[in-house]
């Protein structure tokens, strides 16, 4: 059965079932979605819906949480700011307000997203968790089954049927919790950064932060500012730390500009030279740099360099201790791989997030089962087969998501107009 045959069948069902093509369909119903179905109401999903709307293509967003940008609203610490300048993080068709600082706060960014949603009249269907999404080759449509959270004891189901499916659940859908020997015996609190809000409740306590990415470094600084006695575990002992700004501008913006004129390796040499001049030799602080430069490493592995916002100064002054990897944990102590043993009151896991796409998308060509990311690297990972698209998986933050949102909207618009012509 081809799509046109399926649509004719849908028309017959519409005549008898007023809920069939309604986005507000009663649980247990099947919903036909004209245009695109977008899974995820984070910045990537909102950007794609806005770009489609600007091109006259309808879409529907389904979101498992009860709000837009749930990662930002529910799983980020209070002191968080955008690590990149606002011009690198704004969504398509609507810049940040001119009075926003270069690095907007968490609350400013959330306010911007809410204004974005209002401006483009985007109305996601909340509390709708996707269980499976599978391409129906007989009908040439995607069937997306969701479980709707309700006030009743029993969850309800809604199946969405669409021609184009946009995966916008992102690289940070699920918290990564490492297996650490003995951690279940630890008597103090063990929290992932997704549950950490501020260091206020840790004042005067000895806290171990596991993970030295941007979140780990910033959480350490936050704890230190609240007078916690903080230690940082650098598990693989190698990390690139760069100043957030160089030569009066953002390091990220400067490096992107330089790559237009010079090779990545040449730009990496410049970044490392400037970092050495501005930050000193980080290896003396226990932060050995990888052999590959920061941009080359980012391109090959997706590992983002740390942009220092003051943590290095606290490490240098001794307020934050750097520790090697963990060997084992007991009820109140941690033994490190170098033999050192220390007591701690709490452990914060700054161990990142991962994609959850393989748990619900029944497709194995576009996304890797190993890490849940597109098999093809940026800029080629946004488009799959049979009307499947991905946004927010570029390892380049909101800038990459904005680029892919525009591409996806342009591609779907062409197909949408072609289909409209056929129907006429």
Protein backbone atom coordinates (compact mmCIF):
# COMPACT_ATOMS: atom_id res chain seq x y z
CA UNK A 1 0.00 0.00 0.00
CA UNK A 2 1.45 3.37 -1.03
CA UNK A 3 1.06 6.63 0.85
CA UNK A 4 -1.76 7.91 -1.37
CA UNK A 5 -3.72 4.71 -0.77
CA UNK A 6 -3.09 5.09 2.92
CA UNK A 7 -4.31 8.69 2.87
CA UNK A 8 -7.49 7.59 1.12
CA UNK A 9 -7.98 5.05 3.90
CA UNK A 10 -7.38 7.81 6.44
CA UNK A 11 -10.05 9.97 4.82
CA UNK A 12 -12.55 7.19 5.35
CA UNK A 13 -11.59 6.87 9.01
CA UNK A 14 -11.86 10.62 9.52
CA UNK A 15 -15.48 10.50 8.45
CA UNK A 16 -16.29 8.08 11.26
CA UNK A 17 -13.71 9.07 13.87
CA UNK A 18 -13.37 12.80 14.64
CA UNK A 19 -10.29 12.12 16.80
CA UNK A 20 -8.25 10.34 14.16
CA UNK A 21 -6.37 13.36 12.83
CA UNK A 22 -6.43 15.52 15.95
CA UNK A 23 -3.19 16.26 17.80
CA UNK A 24 -5.30 16.29 20.95
CA UNK A 25 -6.58 12.81 20.28
CA UNK A 26 -7.92 10.73 23.12
CA UNK A 27 -5.52 8.12 24.48
CA UNK A 28 -5.67 4.84 22.59
CA UNK A 29 -6.37 6.57 19.28
CA UNK A 30 -4.30 6.79 16.11
CA UNK A 31 -3.28 10.27 15.01
CA UNK A 32 -2.34 11.15 11.44
CA UNK A 33 0.25 13.94 11.45
CA UNK A 34 0.37 16.04 8.29
CA UNK A 35 3.91 17.28 7.76
CA UNK A 36 6.57 16.16 10.24
CA UNK A 37 6.49 14.55 13.66
CA UNK A 38 9.30 15.85 15.88
CA UNK A 39 10.37 13.82 18.92
CA UNK A 40 11.75 16.14 21.58
CA UNK A 41 10.84 19.69 22.65
CA UNK A 42 14.35 20.87 23.45
CA UNK A 43 16.05 23.69 21.54
CA UNK A 44 16.68 21.40 18.55
CA UNK A 45 13.06 20.32 18.25
CA UNK A 46 11.77 23.87 18.68
CA UNK A 47 14.20 25.17 16.05
CA UNK A 48 13.11 22.55 13.51
CA UNK A 49 9.41 23.21 14.10
CA UNK A 50 9.94 26.97 13.71
CA UNK A 51 11.90 26.53 10.47
CA UNK A 52 9.20 24.24 9.08
CA UNK A 53 6.47 26.68 10.05
CA UNK A 54 8.29 29.54 8.35
CA UNK A 55 8.23 27.45 5.15
CA UNK A 56 4.54 26.64 5.46
CA UNK A 57 5.01 23.02 6.53
CA UNK A 58 3.00 21.77 9.53
CA UNK A 59 4.59 19.73 12.28
CA UNK A 60 3.82 18.27 15.68
CA UNK A 61 6.24 17.94 18.61
CA UNK A 62 5.88 15.15 21.17
CA UNK A 63 7.81 15.43 24.42
CA UNK A 64 8.16 12.94 27.28
CA UNK A 65 8.57 15.66 29.94
CA UNK A 66 6.04 18.25 31.09
CA UNK A 67 7.82 21.26 29.59
CA UNK A 68 10.10 22.48 26.84
CA UNK A 69 13.87 22.13 27.32
CA UNK A 70 13.47 19.71 30.23
CA UNK A 71 17.23 19.12 30.45
CA UNK A 72 17.77 22.83 31.07
CA UNK A 73 14.75 23.20 33.34
CA UNK A 74 15.15 20.12 35.54
CA UNK A 75 18.69 18.77 35.21
CA UNK A 76 21.12 21.68 35.28
CA UNK A 77 22.83 23.49 38.15
CA UNK A 78 21.83 27.00 39.14
CA UNK A 79 25.06 28.83 38.22
CA UNK A 80 25.08 27.48 34.66
CA UNK A 81 25.66 29.90 31.83
CA UNK A 82 26.07 29.25 28.14
CA UNK A 83 29.69 28.27 27.65
CA UNK A 84 29.73 29.79 24.15
CA UNK A 85 28.81 33.38 23.22
CA UNK A 86 25.14 34.00 22.53
CA UNK A 87 25.57 34.54 18.79
CA UNK A 88 26.77 30.92 18.56
CA UNK A 89 23.76 29.61 20.49
CA UNK A 90 20.74 31.46 19.14
CA UNK A 91 18.06 29.52 17.29
CA UNK A 92 17.09 30.22 13.67
CA UNK A 93 14.86 33.20 12.86
CA UNK A 94 15.13 34.85 16.29
CA UNK A 95 18.31 36.30 17.82
CA UNK A 96 18.87 36.78 21.53
CA UNK A 97 17.75 40.14 22.96
CA UNK A 98 20.48 42.74 22.51
CA UNK A 99 20.59 43.47 26.24
CA UNK A 100 21.53 39.87 27.10
CA UNK A 101 25.14 39.38 28.23
CA UNK A 102 27.64 37.59 26.00
CA UNK A 103 27.14 34.40 28.04
CA UNK A 104 23.44 34.27 29.07
CA UNK A 105 22.45 32.66 32.36
CA UNK A 106 20.35 29.54 32.62
CA UNK A 107 17.23 31.56 33.42
CA UNK A 108 17.85 34.00 30.57
CA UNK A 109 18.25 31.13 28.14
CA UNK A 110 15.03 29.48 29.35
CA UNK A 111 13.22 32.80 28.98
CA UNK A 112 14.55 33.08 25.44
CA UNK A 113 13.27 29.58 24.60
CA UNK A 114 9.82 30.36 26.03
CA UNK A 115 9.69 33.54 23.93
CA UNK A 116 10.76 31.50 20.90
CA UNK A 117 7.97 29.01 21.53
CA UNK A 118 5.42 31.83 21.87
CA UNK A 119 6.59 33.70 18.79
CA UNK A 120 6.17 30.67 16.54
CA UNK A 121 3.05 29.39 18.35
CA UNK A 122 4.60 25.98 19.03
CA UNK A 123 2.40 23.67 21.12
CA UNK A 124 4.17 20.40 21.93
CA UNK A 125 2.22 17.43 23.23
CA UNK A 126 3.79 16.96 26.67
CA UNK A 127 4.01 13.87 28.89
CA UNK A 128 4.18 11.67 25.80
CA UNK A 129 7.08 9.22 25.92
CA UNK A 130 7.92 7.44 22.67
CA UNK A 131 8.08 3.68 23.14
CA UNK A 132 8.73 2.66 19.53
CA UNK A 133 9.11 4.31 16.16
CA UNK A 134 9.16 2.08 13.12
CA UNK A 135 8.86 2.57 9.38
CA UNK A 136 5.90 0.74 7.87
CA UNK A 137 7.16 -0.32 4.47
CA UNK A 138 3.75 -1.48 3.32
CA UNK A 139 2.17 1.94 3.83
CA UNK A 140 5.41 3.93 3.52
CA UNK A 141 4.77 5.84 6.74
CA UNK A 142 6.31 6.03 10.21
CA UNK A 143 4.36 4.61 13.12
CA UNK A 144 5.31 6.17 16.43
CA UNK A 145 3.80 4.66 19.56
CA UNK A 146 3.73 6.83 22.67
CA UNK A 147 2.71 6.29 26.28
CA UNK A 148 0.82 9.24 27.72
CA UNK A 149 1.17 10.03 31.40
CA UNK A 150 -2.28 10.63 32.87
CA UNK A 151 -3.82 11.14 36.28
CA UNK A 152 -5.30 7.64 36.05
CA UNK A 153 -3.43 4.61 37.34
CA UNK A 154 -3.01 3.04 33.93
CA UNK A 155 -0.87 4.73 31.22
CA UNK A 156 -2.61 5.34 27.91
CA UNK A 157 -1.27 4.90 24.38
CA UNK A 158 -1.41 7.10 21.31
CA UNK A 159 0.04 6.07 17.95
CA UNK A 160 1.16 8.81 15.59
CA UNK A 161 1.43 8.14 11.87
CA UNK A 162 3.56 10.45 9.76
CA UNK A 163 5.51 10.70 6.54
CA UNK A 164 8.53 12.47 8.04
CA UNK A 165 10.08 11.75 11.43
CA UNK A 166 12.58 14.12 13.06
CA UNK A 167 14.60 12.75 15.97
CA UNK A 168 15.36 15.69 18.29
CA UNK A 169 15.97 13.90 21.59
CA UNK A 170 19.63 14.92 21.47
CA UNK A 171 22.95 13.62 22.72
CA UNK A 172 22.04 14.23 26.38
CA UNK A 173 18.85 12.24 26.88
CA UNK A 174 20.00 9.95 29.71
CA UNK A 175 22.50 10.42 32.52
CA UNK A 176 25.63 8.25 32.38
CA UNK A 177 26.35 6.59 35.74
CA UNK A 178 29.71 4.75 35.75
CA UNK A 179 30.31 1.46 37.51
CA UNK A 180 32.64 2.24 40.39
CA UNK A 181 33.81 -0.61 42.61
CA UNK A 182 32.13 -0.37 46.02
CA UNK A 183 30.05 2.74 45.37
CA UNK A 184 26.91 1.02 46.64
CA UNK A 185 28.55 0.81 50.09
CA UNK A 186 29.29 4.53 50.31
CA UNK A 187 27.33 6.04 53.20
CA UNK A 188 27.20 9.63 51.98
CA UNK A 189 25.07 11.06 49.17
CA UNK A 190 26.04 10.14 45.59
CA UNK A 191 24.44 12.49 43.06
CA UNK A 192 24.75 12.88 39.32
CA UNK A 193 25.08 16.44 38.06
CA UNK A 194 21.55 16.04 36.63
CA UNK A 195 20.37 16.22 40.26
CA UNK A 196 22.91 18.80 41.49
CA UNK A 197 21.65 22.36 41.87
CA UNK A 198 24.22 24.23 43.99
CA UNK A 199 26.94 23.74 46.57
CA UNK A 200 24.91 25.38 49.33
CA UNK A 201 24.08 22.09 51.02
CA UNK A 202 27.71 20.91 50.90
CA UNK A 203 29.33 23.77 52.84
CA UNK A 204 32.18 22.52 55.02
CA UNK A 205 31.99 18.99 53.64
CA UNK A 206 34.58 16.99 51.73
CA UNK A 207 33.17 16.40 48.25
CA UNK A 208 34.65 14.33 45.43
CA UNK A 209 33.66 15.31 41.89
CA UNK A 210 34.13 12.54 39.32
CA UNK A 211 34.66 13.86 35.80
CA UNK A 212 36.62 16.82 34.45
CA UNK A 213 34.53 18.08 31.56
CA UNK A 214 32.94 21.52 31.54
CA UNK A 215 30.26 20.44 34.03
CA UNK A 216 32.72 18.78 36.40
CA UNK A 217 35.02 21.79 36.39
CA UNK A 218 32.18 24.23 36.97
CA UNK A 219 30.58 22.14 39.72
CA UNK A 220 33.97 22.05 41.47
CA UNK A 221 34.14 25.84 41.31
CA UNK A 222 30.59 26.14 42.62
CA UNK A 223 31.32 23.80 45.54
CA UNK A 224 34.51 25.68 46.33
CA UNK A 225 32.63 28.99 46.36
CA UNK A 226 30.31 27.49 48.98
CA UNK A 227 33.32 26.55 51.14
CA UNK A 228 33.19 22.83 50.41
CA UNK A 229 36.53 21.01 50.49
CA UNK A 230 36.57 19.80 46.93
CA UNK A 231 38.58 17.21 45.02
CA UNK A 232 38.35 16.48 41.30
CA UNK A 233 38.91 13.07 39.72
CA UNK A 234 40.55 13.23 36.32
CA UNK A 235 39.84 9.67 35.28
CA UNK A 236 42.01 9.40 32.16
CA UNK A 237 44.40 12.17 33.34
CA UNK A 238 44.31 13.95 29.97
CA UNK A 239 42.14 16.95 29.14
CA UNK A 240 42.41 20.14 27.11
CA UNK A 241 41.66 23.25 29.15
CA UNK A 242 41.40 26.51 27.21
CA UNK A 243 40.63 30.05 28.41
CA UNK A 244 37.05 31.02 27.67
CA UNK A 245 38.30 34.14 25.89
CA UNK A 246 41.43 34.99 23.92
CA UNK A 247 42.50 38.35 22.53
CA UNK A 248 39.31 39.96 23.83
CA UNK A 249 36.92 37.56 22.08
CA UNK A 250 35.53 34.10 22.68
CA UNK A 251 37.99 31.27 22.14
CA UNK A 252 35.37 29.30 20.23
CA UNK A 253 34.52 32.17 17.89
CA UNK A 254 38.19 32.94 17.32
CA UNK A 255 39.03 29.32 16.53
CA UNK A 256 36.12 29.04 14.06
CA UNK A 257 37.26 32.19 12.30
CA UNK A 258 40.86 30.99 12.11
CA UNK A 259 39.84 27.62 10.58
CA UNK A 260 38.53 29.55 7.56
CA UNK A 261 42.11 30.58 6.77
CA UNK A 262 44.36 27.97 8.35
CA UNK A 263 44.45 24.21 8.82
CA UNK A 264 42.99 22.70 11.99
CA UNK A 265 46.45 21.65 13.15
CA UNK A 266 47.78 25.17 12.70
CA UNK A 267 44.87 26.61 14.66
CA UNK A 268 45.41 23.98 17.38
CA UNK A 269 49.05 25.04 17.71
CA UNK A 270 47.94 28.66 18.11
CA UNK A 271 45.31 27.73 20.72
CA UNK A 272 47.80 25.69 22.73
CA UNK A 273 50.42 28.45 22.59
CA UNK A 274 47.92 31.05 23.83
CA UNK A 275 46.64 28.66 26.50
CA UNK A 276 50.19 28.07 27.75
CA UNK A 277 50.77 31.82 27.96
CA UNK A 278 47.45 32.52 29.69
CA UNK A 279 46.95 29.44 31.86
CA UNK A 280 50.43 28.06 32.29
CA UNK A 281 51.39 24.39 32.11
CA UNK A 282 48.21 22.53 33.12
CA UNK A 283 50.19 19.25 33.43
CA UNK A 284 51.73 20.66 36.63
CA UNK A 285 48.22 20.83 38.04
CA UNK A 286 47.49 17.20 37.17
CA UNK A 287 45.73 18.02 33.89
CA UNK A 288 47.90 16.57 31.13
CA UNK A 289 46.92 17.56 27.60
CA UNK A 290 46.11 14.88 24.98
CA UNK A 291 48.55 14.39 22.12
CA UNK A 292 45.99 15.59 19.59
CA UNK A 293 45.11 19.28 19.60
CA UNK A 294 41.71 20.42 20.92
CA UNK A 295 40.01 20.94 17.55
CA UNK A 296 41.45 17.79 15.98
CA UNK A 297 40.43 15.75 19.02
CA UNK A 298 36.95 17.26 18.93
CA UNK A 299 36.54 16.37 15.28
CA UNK A 300 37.71 12.78 15.70
CA UNK A 301 36.10 11.85 19.02
CA UNK A 302 33.58 14.56 19.85
CA UNK A 303 35.42 15.26 23.12
CA UNK A 304 34.94 18.94 23.91
CA UNK A 305 37.77 20.98 25.43
CA UNK A 306 37.08 22.59 28.79
CA UNK A 307 36.60 26.35 28.72
CA UNK A 308 37.94 27.62 32.01
CA UNK A 309 35.69 29.96 34.00
CA UNK A 310 37.88 30.17 37.10
CA UNK A 311 38.41 26.57 38.19
CA UNK A 312 42.10 26.48 37.30
CA UNK A 313 42.84 29.34 39.66
CA UNK A 314 41.23 27.37 42.50
CA UNK A 315 43.27 24.29 41.57
CA UNK A 316 46.44 26.35 41.44
CA UNK A 317 45.73 27.86 44.88
CA UNK A 318 45.08 24.42 46.36
CA UNK A 319 41.40 25.00 47.10
CA UNK A 320 40.53 22.21 44.65
CA UNK A 321 42.62 19.03 44.69
CA UNK A 322 43.16 16.96 41.55
CA UNK A 323 43.09 13.19 42.01
CA UNK A 324 43.81 10.27 39.69
CA UNK A 325 41.28 7.58 38.81
CA UNK A 326 39.32 5.66 41.44
CA UNK A 327 40.35 2.13 42.35
CA UNK A 328 37.60 1.37 44.86
CA UNK A 329 35.14 2.99 47.24
CA UNK A 330 34.29 1.95 50.80
CA UNK A 331 31.58 3.12 53.19
CA UNK A 332 33.27 6.49 53.77
CA UNK A 333 36.57 6.50 51.86
CA UNK A 334 37.89 6.44 48.31
CA UNK A 335 41.06 4.65 47.25
CA UNK A 336 42.68 6.12 44.14
CA UNK A 337 44.79 4.29 41.56
CA UNK A 338 47.96 5.91 42.92
CA UNK A 339 47.35 4.31 46.34
CA UNK A 340 46.10 7.46 48.09
CA UNK A 341 43.09 6.91 50.41
CA UNK A 342 40.83 9.77 51.54
CA UNK A 343 37.55 10.12 53.40
CA UNK A 344 34.69 11.99 51.72
CA UNK A 345 31.23 13.12 52.79
CA UNK A 346 29.66 13.15 49.32
CA UNK A 347 30.34 12.21 45.70
CA UNK A 348 29.12 14.14 42.65
CA UNK A 349 29.17 12.28 39.32
CA UNK A 350 29.92 14.72 36.51
CA UNK A 351 29.99 11.83 34.07
CA UNK A 352 27.81 13.22 31.32
CA UNK A 353 24.89 11.98 29.29
CA UNK A 354 24.14 9.73 26.36
CA UNK A 355 21.59 9.34 23.59
CA UNK A 356 18.64 7.00 24.15
CA UNK A 357 17.65 6.66 20.49
CA UNK A 358 18.47 2.90 20.18
CA UNK A 359 15.96 2.12 22.94
CA UNK A 360 12.97 3.26 20.87
CA UNK A 361 13.88 3.83 17.20
CA UNK A 362 13.57 0.57 15.27
CA UNK A 363 16.06 1.59 12.60
CA UNK A 364 19.70 0.59 12.41
CA UNK A 365 21.02 2.30 9.29
CA UNK A 366 21.16 5.93 10.39
CA UNK A 367 21.89 5.63 14.12
CA UNK A 368 24.60 3.56 15.77
CA UNK A 369 23.42 1.05 18.36
CA UNK A 370 26.64 1.63 20.29
CA UNK A 371 26.28 5.31 21.15
CA UNK A 372 22.92 6.30 19.71
CA UNK A 373 24.45 8.91 17.42
CA UNK A 374 24.23 9.20 13.62
CA UNK A 375 26.77 6.95 11.92
CA UNK A 376 27.78 9.74 9.57
CA UNK A 377 29.61 12.65 11.16
CA UNK A 378 28.68 16.32 10.85
CA UNK A 379 27.74 17.81 8.43
CA UNK A 380 26.24 14.63 6.92
CA UNK A 381 24.42 13.07 9.86
CA UNK A 382 21.11 14.96 9.59
CA UNK A 383 19.41 12.92 6.85
CA UNK A 384 18.51 9.24 6.74
CA UNK A 385 16.27 7.07 4.59
CA UNK A 386 12.46 6.96 4.29
CA UNK A 387 11.89 10.46 5.62
CA UNK A 388 14.00 10.09 8.77
CA UNK A 389 15.98 13.09 10.04
CA UNK A 390 18.15 13.96 13.05
CA UNK A 391 18.78 17.32 14.71
CA UNK A 392 20.90 18.04 17.76
CA UNK A 393 23.44 15.23 17.26
CA UNK A 394 26.29 17.22 15.74
CA UNK A 395 28.58 17.40 18.83
CA UNK A 396 28.67 21.11 18.09
CA UNK A 397 26.01 22.34 20.47
CA UNK A 398 23.24 24.71 19.49
CA UNK A 399 25.17 26.07 16.53
CA UNK A 400 25.17 22.66 14.86
CA UNK A 401 21.52 22.10 15.75
CA UNK A 402 20.53 25.38 14.08
CA UNK A 403 22.37 24.41 10.91
CA UNK A 404 20.65 21.02 10.75
CA UNK A 405 17.20 22.47 11.57
CA UNK A 406 17.41 24.72 8.51
CA UNK A 407 18.56 21.85 6.28
CA UNK A 408 15.78 19.57 7.47
CA UNK A 409 13.12 22.23 6.94
CA UNK A 410 14.36 22.93 3.43
CA UNK A 411 14.36 19.22 2.53
CA UNK A 412 10.90 18.51 3.94
CA UNK A 413 9.47 21.63 2.28
CA UNK A 414 10.53 20.31 -1.13
CA UNK A 415 8.87 16.96 -0.46
CA UNK A 416 5.80 18.59 1.06
CA UNK A 417 5.24 20.81 -1.97
CA UNK A 418 5.75 17.88 -4.32
CA UNK A 419 3.13 15.88 -2.44
CA UNK A 420 0.70 18.80 -2.41
CA UNK A 421 1.05 19.08 -6.16
CA UNK A 422 0.26 15.36 -6.57
CA UNK A 423 -2.84 15.66 -4.39
CA UNK A 424 -4.13 18.57 -6.48
